[in-house]
Full PDB file with SEQRES, HELIX, SHEET, SSBOND, CRYST1, ORIGX, SCALE, CONECT and MASTER records, all heavy atoms in Angstrom:
SEQRES   1 A   37  LEU VAL LEU THR LEU GLY CYS LEU ALA THR ALA ARG PHE          
SEQRES   2 A   37  GLU VAL HIS PRO TYR SER ARG TRP ALA SER PRO ALA GLY          
SEQRES   3 A   37  GLN ARG LEU LEU GLY ALA LEU ARG ARG GLY ALA                  
HELIX    1 AA1 VAL A    2  GLU A   14  1                                  13    
HELIX    2 AA2 PRO A   24  GLY A   36  1                                  13    
CRYST1    1.000    1.000    1.000  90.00  90.00  90.00 P 1           1          
ORIGX1      1.000000  0.000000  0.000000        0.00000                         
ORIGX2      0.000000  1.000000  0.000000        0.00000                         
ORIGX3      0.000000  0.000000  1.000000        0.00000                         
SCALE1      1.000000  0.000000  0.000000        0.00000                         
SCALE2      0.000000  1.000000  0.000000        0.00000                         
SCALE3      0.000000  0.000000  1.000000        0.00000                         
ATOM      1  N   LEU A   1     118.901  82.074 110.291  1.00  0.00           N  
ATOM      2  CA  LEU A   1     119.291  83.270 109.506  1.00  0.00           C  
ATOM      3  C   LEU A   1     118.142  83.565 108.508  1.00  0.00           C  
ATOM      4  O   LEU A   1     117.796  84.689 108.310  1.00  0.00           O  
ATOM      5  CB  LEU A   1     120.591  82.990 108.747  1.00  0.00           C  
ATOM      6  CG  LEU A   1     121.071  84.181 107.886  1.00  0.00           C  
ATOM      7  CD1 LEU A   1     121.349  85.398 108.735  1.00  0.00           C  
ATOM      8  CD2 LEU A   1     122.323  83.764 107.142  1.00  0.00           C  
ATOM      9  N   VAL A   2     117.552  82.521 107.971  1.00  0.00           N  
ATOM     10  CA  VAL A   2     116.433  82.656 107.099  1.00  0.00           C  
ATOM     11  C   VAL A   2     115.259  83.296 107.824  1.00  0.00           C  
ATOM     12  O   VAL A   2     114.461  84.103 107.328  1.00  0.00           O  
ATOM     13  CB  VAL A   2     116.062  81.342 106.361  1.00  0.00           C  
ATOM     14  CG1 VAL A   2     114.697  81.447 105.668  1.00  0.00           C  
ATOM     15  CG2 VAL A   2     117.174  80.918 105.423  1.00  0.00           C  
ATOM     16  N   LEU A   3     115.067  82.833 109.062  1.00  0.00           N  
ATOM     17  CA  LEU A   3     113.941  83.353 109.874  1.00  0.00           C  
ATOM     18  C   LEU A   3     114.090  84.876 110.014  1.00  0.00           C  
ATOM     19  O   LEU A   3     113.112  85.622 109.905  1.00  0.00           O  
ATOM     20  CB  LEU A   3     113.944  82.620 111.246  1.00  0.00           C  
ATOM     21  CG  LEU A   3     112.929  83.173 112.285  1.00  0.00           C  
ATOM     22  CD1 LEU A   3     111.465  83.019 111.782  1.00  0.00           C  
ATOM     23  CD2 LEU A   3     113.169  82.528 113.643  1.00  0.00           C  
ATOM     24  N   THR A   4     115.303  85.363 110.428  1.00  0.00           N  
ATOM     25  CA  THR A   4     115.449  86.802 110.647  1.00  0.00           C  
ATOM     26  C   THR A   4     115.287  87.566 109.349  1.00  0.00           C  
ATOM     27  O   THR A   4     114.661  88.648 109.317  1.00  0.00           O  
ATOM     28  CB  THR A   4     116.857  87.056 111.265  1.00  0.00           C  
ATOM     29  OG1 THR A   4     117.893  86.507 110.403  1.00  0.00           O  
ATOM     30  CG2 THR A   4     116.949  86.398 112.662  1.00  0.00           C  
ATOM     31  N   LEU A   5     115.896  87.043 108.258  1.00  0.00           N  
ATOM     32  CA  LEU A   5     115.806  87.791 106.990  1.00  0.00           C  
ATOM     33  C   LEU A   5     114.309  87.745 106.482  1.00  0.00           C  
ATOM     34  O   LEU A   5     113.873  88.729 105.892  1.00  0.00           O  
ATOM     35  CB  LEU A   5     116.693  87.093 105.957  1.00  0.00           C  
ATOM     36  CG  LEU A   5     118.208  87.211 106.264  1.00  0.00           C  
ATOM     37  CD1 LEU A   5     119.033  86.496 105.166  1.00  0.00           C  
ATOM     38  CD2 LEU A   5     118.674  88.661 106.379  1.00  0.00           C  
ATOM     39  N   GLY A   6     113.658  86.640 106.770  1.00  0.00           N  
ATOM     40  CA  GLY A   6     112.239  86.610 106.306  1.00  0.00           C  
ATOM     41  C   GLY A   6     111.394  87.569 107.150  1.00  0.00           C  
ATOM     42  O   GLY A   6     110.495  88.257 106.537  1.00  0.00           O  
ATOM     43  N   CYS A   7     111.645  87.783 108.434  1.00  0.00           N  
ATOM     44  CA  CYS A   7     110.941  88.732 109.196  1.00  0.00           C  
ATOM     45  C   CYS A   7     111.153  90.153 108.683  1.00  0.00           C  
ATOM     46  O   CYS A   7     110.260  91.024 108.661  1.00  0.00           O  
ATOM     47  CB  CYS A   7     111.297  88.612 110.698  1.00  0.00           C  
ATOM     48  SG  CYS A   7     110.587  87.236 111.528  1.00  0.00           S  
ATOM     49  N   LEU A   8     112.481  90.415 108.356  1.00  0.00           N  
ATOM     50  CA  LEU A   8     112.797  91.724 107.868  1.00  0.00           C  
ATOM     51  C   LEU A   8     112.042  92.016 106.537  1.00  0.00           C  
ATOM     52  O   LEU A   8     111.559  93.157 106.285  1.00  0.00           O  
ATOM     53  CB  LEU A   8     114.332  91.878 107.671  1.00  0.00           C  
ATOM     54  CG  LEU A   8     115.147  92.074 108.919  1.00  0.00           C  
ATOM     55  CD1 LEU A   8     116.626  92.081 108.528  1.00  0.00           C  
ATOM     56  CD2 LEU A   8     114.776  93.365 109.641  1.00  0.00           C  
ATOM     57  N   ALA A   9     112.026  90.956 105.643  1.00  0.00           N  
ATOM     58  CA  ALA A   9     111.384  91.172 104.388  1.00  0.00           C  
ATOM     59  C   ALA A   9     109.851  91.405 104.547  1.00  0.00           C  
ATOM     60  O   ALA A   9     109.292  92.199 103.959  1.00  0.00           O  
ATOM     61  CB  ALA A   9     111.662  89.933 103.491  1.00  0.00           C  
ATOM     62  N   THR A  10     109.267  90.625 105.488  1.00  0.00           N  
ATOM     63  CA  THR A  10     107.800  90.807 105.762  1.00  0.00           C  
ATOM     64  C   THR A  10     107.562  92.211 106.287  1.00  0.00           C  
ATOM     65  O   THR A  10     106.533  92.891 105.909  1.00  0.00           O  
ATOM     66  CB  THR A  10     107.352  89.740 106.687  1.00  0.00           C  
ATOM     67  OG1 THR A  10     107.670  88.401 106.175  1.00  0.00           O  
ATOM     68  CG2 THR A  10     105.841  89.824 106.947  1.00  0.00           C  
ATOM     69  N   ALA A  11     108.384  92.633 107.260  1.00  0.00           N  
ATOM     70  CA  ALA A  11     108.124  93.975 107.745  1.00  0.00           C  
ATOM     71  C   ALA A  11     108.391  95.026 106.801  1.00  0.00           C  
ATOM     72  O   ALA A  11     107.654  96.062 106.818  1.00  0.00           O  
ATOM     73  CB  ALA A  11     109.181  94.166 108.994  1.00  0.00           C  
ATOM     74  N   ARG A  12     109.236  94.809 105.793  1.00  0.00           N  
ATOM     75  CA  ARG A  12     109.490  95.824 104.766  1.00  0.00           C  
ATOM     76  C   ARG A  12     108.251  95.971 103.902  1.00  0.00           C  
ATOM     77  O   ARG A  12     107.856  97.077 103.583  1.00  0.00           O  
ATOM     78  CB  ARG A  12     110.615  95.312 103.898  1.00  0.00           C  
ATOM     79  CG  ARG A  12     110.971  96.238 102.720  1.00  0.00           C  
ATOM     80  CD  ARG A  12     111.596  97.521 103.157  1.00  0.00           C  
ATOM     81  NE  ARG A  12     111.874  98.422 101.999  1.00  0.00           N  
ATOM     82  CZ  ARG A  12     112.502  99.568 102.133  1.00  0.00           C  
ATOM     83  NH1 ARG A  12     112.931  99.986 103.301  1.00  0.00           N  
ATOM     84  NH2 ARG A  12     112.717 100.283 101.075  1.00  0.00           N  
ATOM     85  N   PHE A  13     107.624  94.865 103.621  1.00  0.00           N  
ATOM     86  CA  PHE A  13     106.371  94.973 102.784  1.00  0.00           C  
ATOM     87  C   PHE A  13     105.106  95.278 103.475  1.00  0.00           C  
ATOM     88  O   PHE A  13     104.224  95.898 102.890  1.00  0.00           O  
ATOM     89  CB  PHE A  13     106.192  93.593 101.952  1.00  0.00           C  
ATOM     90  CG  PHE A  13     107.184  93.352 100.872  1.00  0.00           C  
ATOM     91  CD1 PHE A  13     108.257  92.556 101.041  1.00  0.00           C  
ATOM     92  CD2 PHE A  13     107.033  94.068  99.709  1.00  0.00           C  
ATOM     93  CE1 PHE A  13     109.154  92.348 100.034  1.00  0.00           C  
ATOM     94  CE2 PHE A  13     108.009  93.905  98.665  1.00  0.00           C  
ATOM     95  CZ  PHE A  13     109.055  93.042  98.846  1.00  0.00           C  
ATOM     96  N   GLU A  14     104.988  94.916 104.749  1.00  0.00           N  
ATOM     97  CA  GLU A  14     103.757  95.061 105.461  1.00  0.00           C  
ATOM     98  C   GLU A  14     103.658  96.317 106.316  1.00  0.00           C  
ATOM     99  O   GLU A  14     102.585  96.906 106.349  1.00  0.00           O  
ATOM    100  CB  GLU A  14     103.543  93.798 106.396  1.00  0.00           C  
ATOM    101  CG  GLU A  14     103.373  92.480 105.684  1.00  0.00           C  
ATOM    102  CD  GLU A  14     102.077  92.422 104.853  1.00  0.00           C  
ATOM    103  OE1 GLU A  14     101.104  93.148 105.256  1.00  0.00           O  
ATOM    104  OE2 GLU A  14     102.069  91.746 103.877  1.00  0.00           O  
ATOM    105  N   VAL A  15     104.732  96.751 106.888  1.00  0.00           N  
ATOM    106  CA  VAL A  15     104.604  97.841 107.893  1.00  0.00           C  
ATOM    107  C   VAL A  15     105.632  98.973 107.593  1.00  0.00           C  
ATOM    108  O   VAL A  15     105.858  99.831 108.424  1.00  0.00           O  
ATOM    109  CB  VAL A  15     104.790  97.380 109.335  1.00  0.00           C  
ATOM    110  CG1 VAL A  15     103.662  96.479 109.739  1.00  0.00           C  
ATOM    111  CG2 VAL A  15     106.152  96.599 109.487  1.00  0.00           C  
ATOM    112  N   HIS A  16     106.303  98.978 106.469  1.00  0.00           N  
ATOM    113  CA  HIS A  16     107.220 100.013 106.124  1.00  0.00           C  
ATOM    114  C   HIS A  16     106.440 101.244 105.635  1.00  0.00           C  
ATOM    115  O   HIS A  16     105.406 101.095 104.971  1.00  0.00           O  
ATOM    116  CB  HIS A  16     108.197  99.571 105.004  1.00  0.00           C  
ATOM    117  CG  HIS A  16     109.291 100.448 104.728  1.00  0.00           C  
ATOM    118  ND1 HIS A  16     109.252 101.513 103.773  1.00  0.00           N  
ATOM    119  CD2 HIS A  16     110.522 100.601 105.333  1.00  0.00           C  
ATOM    120  CE1 HIS A  16     110.326 102.165 103.765  1.00  0.00           C  
ATOM    121  NE2 HIS A  16     111.175 101.652 104.654  1.00  0.00           N  
ATOM    122  N   PRO A  17     106.879 102.502 105.981  1.00  0.00           N  
ATOM    123  CA  PRO A  17     108.013 102.877 106.661  1.00  0.00           C  
ATOM    124  C   PRO A  17     107.873 102.703 108.219  1.00  0.00           C  
ATOM    125  O   PRO A  17     106.746 102.731 108.737  1.00  0.00           O  
ATOM    126  CB  PRO A  17     108.125 104.379 106.369  1.00  0.00           C  
ATOM    127  CG  PRO A  17     106.728 104.816 106.122  1.00  0.00           C  
ATOM    128  CD  PRO A  17     106.061 103.639 105.514  1.00  0.00           C  
ATOM    129  N   TYR A  18     108.947 102.430 108.896  1.00  0.00           N  
ATOM    130  CA  TYR A  18     108.960 102.212 110.296  1.00  0.00           C  
ATOM    131  C   TYR A  18     109.038 103.566 111.044  1.00  0.00           C  
ATOM    132  O   TYR A  18     109.703 104.460 110.545  1.00  0.00           O  
ATOM    133  CB  TYR A  18     110.164 101.353 110.718  1.00  0.00           C  
ATOM    134  CG  TYR A  18     110.441 100.211 109.776  1.00  0.00           C  
ATOM    135  CD1 TYR A  18     111.643 100.111 109.219  1.00  0.00           C  
ATOM    136  CD2 TYR A  18     109.460  99.276 109.534  1.00  0.00           C  
ATOM    137  CE1 TYR A  18     111.945  99.019 108.346  1.00  0.00           C  
ATOM    138  CE2 TYR A  18     109.763  98.205 108.617  1.00  0.00           C  
ATOM    139  CZ  TYR A  18     110.903  98.140 108.075  1.00  0.00           C  
ATOM    140  OH  TYR A  18     111.195  97.118 107.169  1.00  0.00           O  
ATOM    141  N   SER A  19     108.337 103.714 112.097  1.00  0.00           N  
ATOM    142  CA  SER A  19     108.304 104.941 112.798  1.00  0.00           C  
ATOM    143  C   SER A  19     108.312 104.704 114.314  1.00  0.00           C  
ATOM    144  O   SER A  19     107.598 103.805 114.817  1.00  0.00           O  
ATOM    145  CB  SER A  19     107.059 105.845 112.443  1.00  0.00           C  
ATOM    146  OG  SER A  19     106.999 106.976 113.279  1.00  0.00           O  
ATOM    147  N   ARG A  20     109.069 105.542 115.019  1.00  0.00           N  
ATOM    148  CA  ARG A  20     109.066 105.364 116.475  1.00  0.00           C  
ATOM    149  C   ARG A  20     107.866 106.069 117.108  1.00  0.00           C  
ATOM    150  O   ARG A  20     107.522 105.720 118.207  1.00  0.00           O  
ATOM    151  CB  ARG A  20     110.350 106.001 117.007  1.00  0.00           C  
ATOM    152  CG  ARG A  20     110.542 105.918 118.534  1.00  0.00           C  
ATOM    153  CD  ARG A  20     111.772 106.662 119.013  1.00  0.00           C  
ATOM    154  NE  ARG A  20     111.771 106.618 120.456  1.00  0.00           N  
ATOM    155  CZ  ARG A  20     112.672 107.391 121.153  1.00  0.00           C  
ATOM    156  NH1 ARG A  20     113.529 108.158 120.543  1.00  0.00           N  
ATOM    157  NH2 ARG A  20     112.665 107.305 122.537  1.00  0.00           N  
ATOM    158  N   TRP A  21     107.344 107.080 116.382  1.00  0.00           N  
ATOM    159  CA  TRP A  21     106.317 107.870 116.979  1.00  0.00           C  
ATOM    160  C   TRP A  21     104.918 107.703 116.391  1.00  0.00           C  
ATOM    161  O   TRP A  21     103.953 107.837 117.126  1.00  0.00           O  
ATOM    162  CB  TRP A  21     106.642 109.399 116.812  1.00  0.00           C  
ATOM    163  CG  TRP A  21     108.048 109.682 117.392  1.00  0.00           C  
ATOM    164  CD1 TRP A  21     109.271 109.821 116.681  1.00  0.00           C  
ATOM    165  CD2 TRP A  21     108.358 109.877 118.767  1.00  0.00           C  
ATOM    166  NE1 TRP A  21     110.219 110.077 117.542  1.00  0.00           N  
ATOM    167  CE2 TRP A  21     109.710 110.170 118.827  1.00  0.00           C  
ATOM    168  CE3 TRP A  21     107.652 109.930 119.913  1.00  0.00           C  
ATOM    169  CZ2 TRP A  21     110.359 110.390 120.053  1.00  0.00           C  
ATOM    170  CZ3 TRP A  21     108.266 110.086 121.170  1.00  0.00           C  
ATOM    171  CH2 TRP A  21     109.629 110.406 121.197  1.00  0.00           C  
ATOM    172  N   ALA A  22     104.813 107.332 115.114  1.00  0.00           N  
ATOM    173  CA  ALA A  22     103.493 107.273 114.511  1.00  0.00           C  
ATOM    174  C   ALA A  22     103.015 105.830 114.433  1.00  0.00           C  
ATOM    175  O   ALA A  22     103.798 104.903 114.181  1.00  0.00           O  
ATOM    176  CB  ALA A  22     103.615 107.839 113.096  1.00  0.00           C  
ATOM    177  N   SER A  23     101.729 105.596 114.646  1.00  0.00           N  
ATOM    178  CA  SER A  23     101.127 104.392 114.453  1.00  0.00           C  
ATOM    179  C   SER A  23     100.883 104.131 112.983  1.00  0.00           C  
ATOM    180  O   SER A  23     101.110 105.101 112.151  1.00  0.00           O  
ATOM    181  CB  SER A  23      99.770 104.291 115.181  1.00  0.00           C  
ATOM    182  OG  SER A  23      98.875 105.166 114.544  1.00  0.00           O  
ATOM    183  N   PRO A  24     100.490 102.928 112.528  1.00  0.00           N  
ATOM    184  CA  PRO A  24     100.202 102.775 111.084  1.00  0.00           C  
ATOM    185  C   PRO A  24      99.205 103.808 110.525  1.00  0.00           C  
ATOM    186  O   PRO A  24      99.334 104.297 109.391  1.00  0.00           O  
ATOM    187  CB  PRO A  24      99.673 101.327 111.008  1.00  0.00           C  
ATOM    188  CG  PRO A  24     100.337 100.648 112.153  1.00  0.00           C  
ATOM    189  CD  PRO A  24     100.471 101.651 113.237  1.00  0.00           C  
ATOM    190  N   ALA A  25      98.189 104.110 111.340  1.00  0.00           N  
ATOM    191  CA  ALA A  25      97.221 105.087 110.901  1.00  0.00           C  
ATOM    192  C   ALA A  25      97.880 106.475 110.741  1.00  0.00           C  
ATOM    193  O   ALA A  25      97.596 107.246 109.837  1.00  0.00           O  
ATOM    194  CB  ALA A  25      96.007 105.252 111.879  1.00  0.00           C  
ATOM    195  N   GLY A  26      98.791 106.788 111.671  1.00  0.00           N  
ATOM    196  CA  GLY A  26      99.491 108.052 111.574  1.00  0.00           C  
ATOM    197  C   GLY A  26     100.421 108.111 110.404  1.00  0.00           C  
ATOM    198  O   GLY A  26     100.543 109.142 109.809  1.00  0.00           O  
ATOM    199  N   GLN A  27     100.977 107.026 110.075  1.00  0.00           N  
ATOM    200  CA  GLN A  27     101.890 107.002 108.894  1.00  0.00           C  
ATOM    201  C   GLN A  27     101.125 107.199 107.596  1.00  0.00           C  
ATOM    202  O   GLN A  27     101.538 107.813 106.683  1.00  0.00           O  
ATOM    203  CB  GLN A  27     102.656 105.692 108.858  1.00  0.00           C  
ATOM    204  CG  GLN A  27     103.659 105.518 110.042  1.00  0.00           C  
ATOM    205  CD  GLN A  27     104.374 104.180 109.950  1.00  0.00           C  
ATOM    206  OE1 GLN A  27     104.891 103.857 108.883  1.00  0.00           O  
ATOM    207  NE2 GLN A  27     104.448 103.486 111.054  1.00  0.00           N  
ATOM    208  N   ARG A  28      99.876 106.708 107.577  1.00  0.00           N  
ATOM    209  CA  ARG A  28      99.034 106.858 106.331  1.00  0.00           C  
ATOM    210  C   ARG A  28      98.660 108.379 106.244  1.00  0.00           C  
ATOM    211  O   ARG A  28      98.678 108.909 105.101  1.00  0.00           O  
ATOM    212  CB  ARG A  28      97.763 105.999 106.452  1.00  0.00           C  
ATOM    213  CG  ARG A  28      98.023 104.545 106.263  1.00  0.00           C  
ATOM    214  CD  ARG A  28      96.728 103.845 105.947  1.00  0.00           C  
ATOM    215  NE  ARG A  28      95.812 103.851 107.123  1.00  0.00           N  
ATOM    216  CZ  ARG A  28      95.880 102.900 108.106  1.00  0.00           C  
ATOM    217  NH1 ARG A  28      96.775 101.904 108.001  1.00  0.00           N  
ATOM    218  NH2 ARG A  28      94.990 102.928 109.055  1.00  0.00           N  
ATOM    219  N   LEU A  29      98.416 109.037 107.341  1.00  0.00           N  
ATOM    220  CA  LEU A  29      98.097 110.494 107.266  1.00  0.00           C  
ATOM    221  C   LEU A  29      99.340 111.275 106.800  1.00  0.00           C  
ATOM    222  O   LEU A  29      99.173 112.260 106.144  1.00  0.00           O  
ATOM    223  CB  LEU A  29      97.563 110.948 108.602  1.00  0.00           C  
ATOM    224  CG  LEU A  29      96.127 110.538 108.943  1.00  0.00           C  
ATOM    225  CD1 LEU A  29      95.741 111.096 110.321  1.00  0.00           C  
ATOM    226  CD2 LEU A  29      95.179 111.130 107.928  1.00  0.00           C  
ATOM    227  N   LEU A  30     100.510 110.856 107.269  1.00  0.00           N  
ATOM    228  CA  LEU A  30     101.674 111.491 106.828  1.00  0.00           C  
ATOM    229  C   LEU A  30     101.909 111.347 105.355  1.00  0.00           C  
ATOM    230  O   LEU A  30     102.333 112.275 104.638  1.00  0.00           O  
ATOM    231  CB  LEU A  30     102.976 110.932 107.569  1.00  0.00           C  
ATOM    232  CG  LEU A  30     103.129 111.325 109.018  1.00  0.00           C  
ATOM    233  CD1 LEU A  30     104.278 110.595 109.672  1.00  0.00           C  
ATOM    234  CD2 LEU A  30     103.402 112.846 109.118  1.00  0.00           C  
ATOM    235  N   GLY A  31     101.606 110.110 104.798  1.00  0.00           N  
ATOM    236  CA  GLY A  31     101.674 109.979 103.414  1.00  0.00           C  
ATOM    237  C   GLY A  31     100.733 110.821 102.649  1.00  0.00           C  
ATOM    238  O   GLY A  31     101.038 111.415 101.596  1.00  0.00           O  
ATOM    239  N   ALA A  32      99.489 110.996 103.214  1.00  0.00           N  
ATOM    240  CA  ALA A  32      98.570 111.897 102.528  1.00  0.00           C  
ATOM    241  C   ALA A  32      98.988 113.312 102.584  1.00  0.00           C  
ATOM    242  O   ALA A  32      98.754 114.126 101.568  1.00  0.00           O  
ATOM    243  CB  ALA A  32      97.216 111.743 103.195  1.00  0.00           C  
ATOM    244  N   LEU A  33      99.669 113.722 103.690  1.00  0.00           N  
ATOM    245  CA  LEU A  33     100.158 115.084 103.803  1.00  0.00           C  
ATOM    246  C   LEU A  33     101.258 115.325 102.760  1.00  0.00           C  
ATOM    247  O   LEU A  33     101.301 116.398 102.090  1.00  0.00           O  
ATOM    248  CB  LEU A  33     100.731 115.307 105.147  1.00  0.00           C  
ATOM    249  CG  LEU A  33     101.349 116.675 105.426  1.00  0.00           C  
ATOM    250  CD1 LEU A  33     100.303 117.759 105.420  1.00  0.00           C  
ATOM    251  CD2 LEU A  33     102.099 116.697 106.762  1.00  0.00           C  
ATOM    252  N   ARG A  34     102.111 114.349 102.519  1.00  0.00           N  
ATOM    253  CA  ARG A  34     103.149 114.555 101.491  1.00  0.00           C  
ATOM    254  C   ARG A  34     102.552 114.662 100.105  1.00  0.00           C  
ATOM    255  O   ARG A  34     103.036 115.508  99.333  1.00  0.00           O  
ATOM    256  CB  ARG A  34     104.133 113.391 101.542  1.00  0.00           C  
ATOM    257  CG  ARG A  34     104.927 113.234 102.866  1.00  0.00           C  
ATOM    258  CD  ARG A  34     105.981 112.180 102.787  1.00  0.00           C  
ATOM    259  NE  ARG A  34     106.510 111.859 104.083  1.00  0.00           N  
ATOM    260  CZ  ARG A  34     106.264 110.783 104.756  1.00  0.00           C  
ATOM    261  NH1 ARG A  34     105.301 109.895 104.317  1.00  0.00           N  
ATOM    262  NH2 ARG A  34     106.780 110.550 105.935  1.00  0.00           N  
ATOM    263  N   ARG A  35     101.587 113.820  99.793  1.00  0.00           N  
ATOM    264  CA  ARG A  35     100.981 113.859  98.499  1.00  0.00           C  
ATOM    265  C   ARG A  35     100.188 115.151  98.239  1.00  0.00           C  
ATOM    266  O   ARG A  35     100.110 115.645  97.077  1.00  0.00           O  
ATOM    267  CB  ARG A  35     100.107 112.621  98.262  1.00  0.00           C  
ATOM    268  CG  ARG A  35     100.851 111.341  98.230  1.00  0.00           C  
ATOM    269  CD  ARG A  35      99.916 110.213  97.801  1.00  0.00           C  
ATOM    270  NE  ARG A  35      98.819 110.018  98.651  1.00  0.00           N  
ATOM    271  CZ  ARG A  35      98.851 109.207  99.740  1.00  0.00           C  
ATOM    272  NH1 ARG A  35      99.920 108.554 100.014  1.00  0.00           N  
ATOM    273  NH2 ARG A  35      97.768 109.085 100.518  1.00  0.00           N  
ATOM    274  N   GLY A  36      99.568 115.713  99.292  1.00  0.00           N  
ATOM    275  CA  GLY A  36      98.690 116.797  99.178  1.00  0.00           C  
ATOM    276  C   GLY A  36      99.449 118.206  99.245  1.00  0.00           C  
ATOM    277  O   GLY A  36      98.805 119.221  99.064  1.00  0.00           O  
ATOM    278  N   ALA A  37     100.760 118.133  99.520  1.00  0.00           N  
ATOM    279  CA  ALA A  37     101.420 119.439  99.638  1.00  0.00           C  
ATOM    280  C   ALA A  37     101.549 120.076  98.302  1.00  0.00           C  
ATOM    281  O   ALA A  37     101.749 119.518  97.275  1.00  0.00           O  
ATOM    282  CB  ALA A  37     102.824 119.178 100.250  1.00  0.00           C  
TER     283      ALA A  37                                                      
MASTER        0    0    0    2    0    0    0    6  282    1    0    3          
END                                                                             
């Protein structure tokens, strides 16, 4: 149980937000688009 919760916590800090379509680079560009609107 600690293993699963630890993986969720790590994913939350390292790769959040999660996306089915965008890669991490794509998510960074989405963030820049929101800030620049």
